[in-house]
């Protein structure tokens, strides 16, 4: 998966074929993380949002908005697709 300056996330096959484009962010997608199972992807953007995606369908299942901050790191709790930690340009941990 790659996060792009156009606000999209692209999912790729190992041979370089783009499988799916995930649309929803309005700014640069700066960070990505898959859950331990590879079923769920979280993307963090300079548009002050995290988006949670189902990899198999490309559906956005959750949007988490920050308070005017840019997200620059995200991680799932190991063994979970329900708990996410994110770092941003403000001093909070979410």
Protein backbone atom coordinates (compact mmCIF):
# COMPACT_ATOMS: atom_id res chain seq x y z
CA UNK A 1 0.00 0.00 0.00
CA UNK A 2 1.12 3.54 -0.67
CA UNK A 3 -0.15 6.86 0.59
CA UNK A 4 -0.14 9.57 -2.04
CA UNK A 5 -0.02 13.33 -2.31
CA UNK A 6 -3.37 13.33 -4.09
CA UNK A 7 -5.08 12.09 -0.90
CA UNK A 8 -5.54 8.55 -2.18
CA UNK A 9 -4.28 5.22 -0.88
CA UNK A 10 -3.31 2.62 -3.45
CA UNK A 11 -3.22 -1.13 -2.84
CA UNK A 12 -0.71 -3.03 -4.97
CA UNK A 13 0.02 -6.57 -6.01
CA UNK A 14 3.63 -7.74 -5.77
CA UNK A 15 3.90 -7.65 -9.58
CA UNK A 16 3.17 -3.89 -9.52
CA UNK A 17 -0.48 -3.98 -10.57
CA UNK A 18 -2.68 -1.51 -8.71
CA UNK A 19 -5.54 -3.47 -7.16
CA UNK A 20 -7.60 -0.67 -5.74
CA UNK A 21 -7.57 3.07 -5.10
CA UNK A 22 -9.05 4.13 -1.75
CA UNK A 23 -10.45 7.67 -1.91
CA UNK A 24 -11.51 9.90 0.95
CA UNK A 25 -8.63 11.98 2.27
CA UNK A 26 -8.34 15.59 1.09
CA UNK A 27 -4.61 16.01 1.73
CA UNK A 28 -1.38 14.02 1.55
CA UNK A 29 -1.61 10.52 3.07
CA UNK A 30 1.44 10.37 5.29
CA UNK A 31 1.15 7.10 7.23
CA UNK A 32 -0.34 3.63 6.79
CA UNK A 33 -0.64 0.48 8.90
CA UNK A 34 -2.19 -2.93 8.32
CA UNK A 35 -3.65 -4.89 11.21
CA UNK A 36 -1.96 -8.19 12.13
CA UNK A 37 -4.40 -10.13 9.96
CA UNK A 38 -3.96 -7.99 6.82
CA UNK A 39 -7.72 -7.41 6.66
CA UNK A 40 -7.84 -3.81 7.82
CA UNK A 41 -5.76 -0.79 6.85
CA UNK A 42 -5.56 2.54 8.64
CA UNK A 43 -4.40 5.67 6.83
CA UNK A 44 -3.39 8.96 8.41
CA UNK A 45 -3.40 12.24 6.53
CA UNK A 46 -2.49 15.87 6.70
CA UNK A 47 -6.22 16.54 6.44
CA UNK A 48 -6.43 15.80 10.20
CA UNK A 49 -8.13 12.43 9.79
CA UNK A 50 -7.51 8.75 10.18
CA UNK A 51 -9.50 6.42 7.95
CA UNK A 52 -10.02 2.73 8.56
CA UNK A 53 -10.50 0.58 5.46
CA UNK A 54 -11.55 -3.02 4.77
CA UNK A 55 -8.83 -4.27 2.43
CA UNK A 56 -11.01 -6.82 0.62
CA UNK A 57 -13.68 -4.32 -0.40
CA UNK A 58 -12.02 -0.89 -0.18
CA UNK A 59 -14.84 0.30 2.07
CA UNK A 60 -14.04 3.05 4.56
CA UNK A 61 -15.54 1.79 7.82
CA UNK A 62 -14.46 4.60 10.15
CA UNK A 63 -13.19 8.17 10.07
CA UNK A 64 -11.44 9.60 13.12
CA UNK A 65 -10.92 13.34 13.07
CA UNK A 66 -8.11 15.11 14.89
CA UNK A 67 -8.35 18.60 16.28
CA UNK A 68 -6.56 20.39 13.46
CA UNK A 69 -3.51 18.16 13.69
CA UNK A 70 -1.67 16.26 10.96
CA UNK A 71 -1.26 12.54 11.57
CA UNK A 72 2.25 11.25 10.92
CA UNK A 73 2.26 7.73 12.43
CA UNK A 74 -0.31 5.02 13.07
CA UNK A 75 -0.19 1.46 14.42
CA UNK A 76 -2.64 -1.28 15.34
CA UNK A 77 -2.39 -3.09 18.65
CA UNK A 78 -0.82 -6.48 17.81
CA UNK A 79 -3.50 -9.12 17.31
CA UNK A 80 -6.29 -6.54 17.08
CA UNK A 81 -8.10 -4.62 14.40
CA UNK A 82 -10.08 -2.62 16.97
CA UNK A 83 -7.34 -0.62 18.71
CA UNK A 84 -5.24 2.01 16.95
CA UNK A 85 -2.57 4.37 18.26
CA UNK A 86 -1.71 7.47 16.28
CA UNK A 87 0.86 10.24 16.56
CA UNK A 88 0.20 13.72 15.28
CA UNK A 89 1.60 17.20 15.18
CA UNK A 90 -0.04 18.03 18.52
CA UNK A 91 1.20 16.59 21.84
CA UNK A 92 -1.69 14.10 22.27
CA UNK A 93 -1.67 10.34 21.77
CA UNK A 94 -4.93 8.99 20.36
